Protein backbone atom coordinates (compact mmCIF):
# COMPACT_ATOMS: atom_id res chain seq x y z
CA MET A 1 29.36 31.35 38.58
CA ALA A 2 32.31 31.90 36.39
CA LYS A 3 32.07 32.33 33.02
CA GLU A 4 33.91 28.92 32.07
CA GLU A 5 31.08 27.25 34.49
CA LYS A 6 28.20 28.55 32.80
CA LYS A 7 29.75 27.10 29.65
CA GLU A 8 30.89 23.82 30.95
CA ALA A 9 27.12 23.39 32.71
CA ALA A 10 25.25 24.43 29.17
CA LYS A 11 28.18 21.59 27.33
CA ALA A 12 26.75 18.97 30.42
CA ALA A 13 22.87 19.86 29.98
CA ASP A 14 23.47 19.92 25.59
CA PRO A 15 23.45 15.39 24.50
CA PRO A 16 25.86 15.17 22.56
CA GLN A 17 25.31 15.49 18.77
CA PRO A 18 25.75 12.53 16.40
CA GLN A 19 28.32 14.04 13.60
CA GLN A 20 27.61 14.16 9.52
CA GLY A 21 27.53 10.52 8.52
CA GLN A 22 26.44 8.92 12.03
CA GLN A 23 23.55 7.07 12.83
CA THR A 24 21.86 7.58 16.45
CA GLN A 25 19.93 4.38 17.66
CA VAL A 26 16.60 5.09 19.07
CA LYS A 27 15.35 3.13 22.69
CA VAL A 28 12.39 1.48 22.28
CA ASP A 29 10.73 -0.30 25.26
CA ASP A 30 8.22 -3.22 23.71
CA SER A 31 7.25 -5.12 26.77
CA HIS A 32 4.46 -3.84 27.18
CA ALA A 33 3.08 -4.52 23.63
CA VAL A 34 0.39 -5.98 22.39
CA CYS A 35 1.38 -8.48 19.50
CA SER A 36 -1.32 -9.49 16.60
CA TYR A 37 -1.78 -11.42 13.70
CA ALA A 38 -3.20 -9.56 10.46
CA ASN A 39 -3.98 -10.98 7.19
CA PHE A 40 -6.32 -7.62 6.93
CA CYS A 41 -5.53 -4.49 6.77
CA ARG A 42 -7.49 -1.23 5.50
CA VAL A 43 -6.74 2.16 4.45
CA THR A 44 -8.85 5.66 5.04
CA GLY A 45 -8.30 8.77 5.90
CA SER A 46 -8.51 12.37 6.26
CA PRO A 47 -6.84 15.42 4.20
CA GLU A 48 -4.74 15.94 8.16
CA GLU A 49 -4.20 11.62 8.66
CA LEU A 50 -3.92 8.46 7.56
CA ILE A 51 -6.12 5.46 9.15
CA ILE A 52 -4.70 1.47 8.96
CA ASP A 53 -7.06 -1.15 10.14
CA PHE A 54 -5.48 -4.35 10.59
CA GLY A 55 -8.12 -7.55 10.86
CA LEU A 56 -8.29 -10.86 10.69
CA ASN A 57 -10.38 -12.37 8.09
CA SER A 58 -11.60 -16.28 8.39
CA GLN A 59 -12.44 -16.38 4.90
CA PRO A 60 -9.57 -15.49 2.92
CA MET A 61 -11.41 -16.89 -0.39
CA GLY A 62 -13.19 -15.15 -2.50
CA VAL A 63 -15.61 -12.33 -0.70
CA PRO A 64 -16.29 -12.90 2.83
CA VAL A 65 -19.66 -13.61 3.93
CA ASP A 66 -19.09 -12.61 7.39
CA PRO A 67 -17.21 -9.03 8.69
CA ILE A 68 -14.09 -8.98 9.46
CA GLY A 69 -13.38 -7.42 12.85
CA ILE A 70 -10.95 -4.44 13.30
CA LYS A 71 -8.43 -5.56 16.30
CA GLN A 72 -6.91 -2.49 15.77
CA ARG A 73 -6.52 1.46 15.17
CA ILE A 74 -3.88 3.21 13.86
CA ILE A 75 -3.32 6.34 13.10
CA VAL A 76 -0.92 8.31 11.62
CA ASN A 77 0.05 11.80 10.24
CA PHE A 78 1.40 12.00 6.70
CA PHE A 79 4.65 12.31 7.50
CA THR A 80 5.00 9.64 9.61
CA ALA A 81 3.21 7.18 6.31
CA LYS A 82 5.74 8.35 4.39
CA ARG A 83 8.48 7.04 6.96
CA LEU A 84 6.31 4.37 7.48
CA LEU A 85 6.34 3.78 3.50
CA ALA A 86 9.86 4.11 2.82
CA ALA A 87 10.76 1.62 5.89
CA LEU A 88 8.73 -1.11 4.42
CA HIS A 89 9.71 -0.92 1.03
CA MET A 90 12.71 -1.75 2.18
CA SER A 91 11.69 -4.08 4.67
CA VAL A 92 10.29 -5.47 1.62
CA GLN A 93 13.10 -5.08 -1.22
CA ARG A 94 15.57 -6.89 1.51
CA HIS A 95 13.12 -10.04 1.85
CA GLU A 96 12.12 -10.40 -1.64
CA GLN A 97 16.46 -10.77 -2.44
CA ALA A 98 16.65 -12.93 0.08
CA PHE A 99 13.52 -15.28 -1.33
CA GLY A 100 12.39 -14.46 -4.13
CA VAL A 101 10.10 -11.85 -4.86
CA LEU A 102 6.89 -12.34 -3.58
CA GLU A 103 2.99 -12.27 -5.95
CA THR A 104 0.59 -11.12 -4.54
CA ASP A 105 -1.88 -11.80 -6.89
CA VAL A 106 -3.71 -15.35 -5.06
CA GLN A 107 -4.51 -16.69 -8.37
CA LYS A 108 -0.69 -16.76 -9.52
CA ARG A 109 0.80 -17.99 -6.52
CA LEU A 110 -1.83 -21.37 -7.03
CA GLN A 111 -0.72 -24.37 -8.71
CA PRO A 112 -2.33 -25.54 -11.79
CA SER A 113 -4.24 -28.35 -10.73
CA ALA A 114 -5.52 -26.38 -8.15
CA ARG A 115 -6.64 -23.87 -10.95
CA GLY A 116 -8.99 -26.58 -12.47
CA ALA A 117 -6.37 -26.93 -14.98
CA VAL A 118 -5.61 -30.23 -16.23
CA ALA A 119 -1.86 -31.56 -15.08
CA PRO A 120 -0.48 -33.23 -18.67
CA PRO A 121 -0.40 -36.82 -18.71
CA ALA A 122 2.55 -39.00 -16.42
CA LYS A 123 5.31 -40.14 -19.86
CA SER A 124 5.39 -44.02 -19.35
């Protein structure tokens, strides 16, 4: 092979690199993804990895009497966990900018009458 042909073959083998400031689009095939809903999450781990369990708590108020069934377990290294944290943080910030702050304390979200407080009398 001539010198120029080798250069062209090497150039064709290397995918084009994005220029500084450009974002690359990662292709994802989610045709076989299994979707499930979770309202419970538990995070545990070891020095090397983070274990995230997802399940459905059918008794959301108070301490559950029945065990919560874990339906999904995701195990990631801490580098992936940090990227996940950043992505989730950005997504929640965007949601709150559009729809308002998300209150995670259930007691603060309840209506005053649902907390046992007496509603002020209606004026006639």
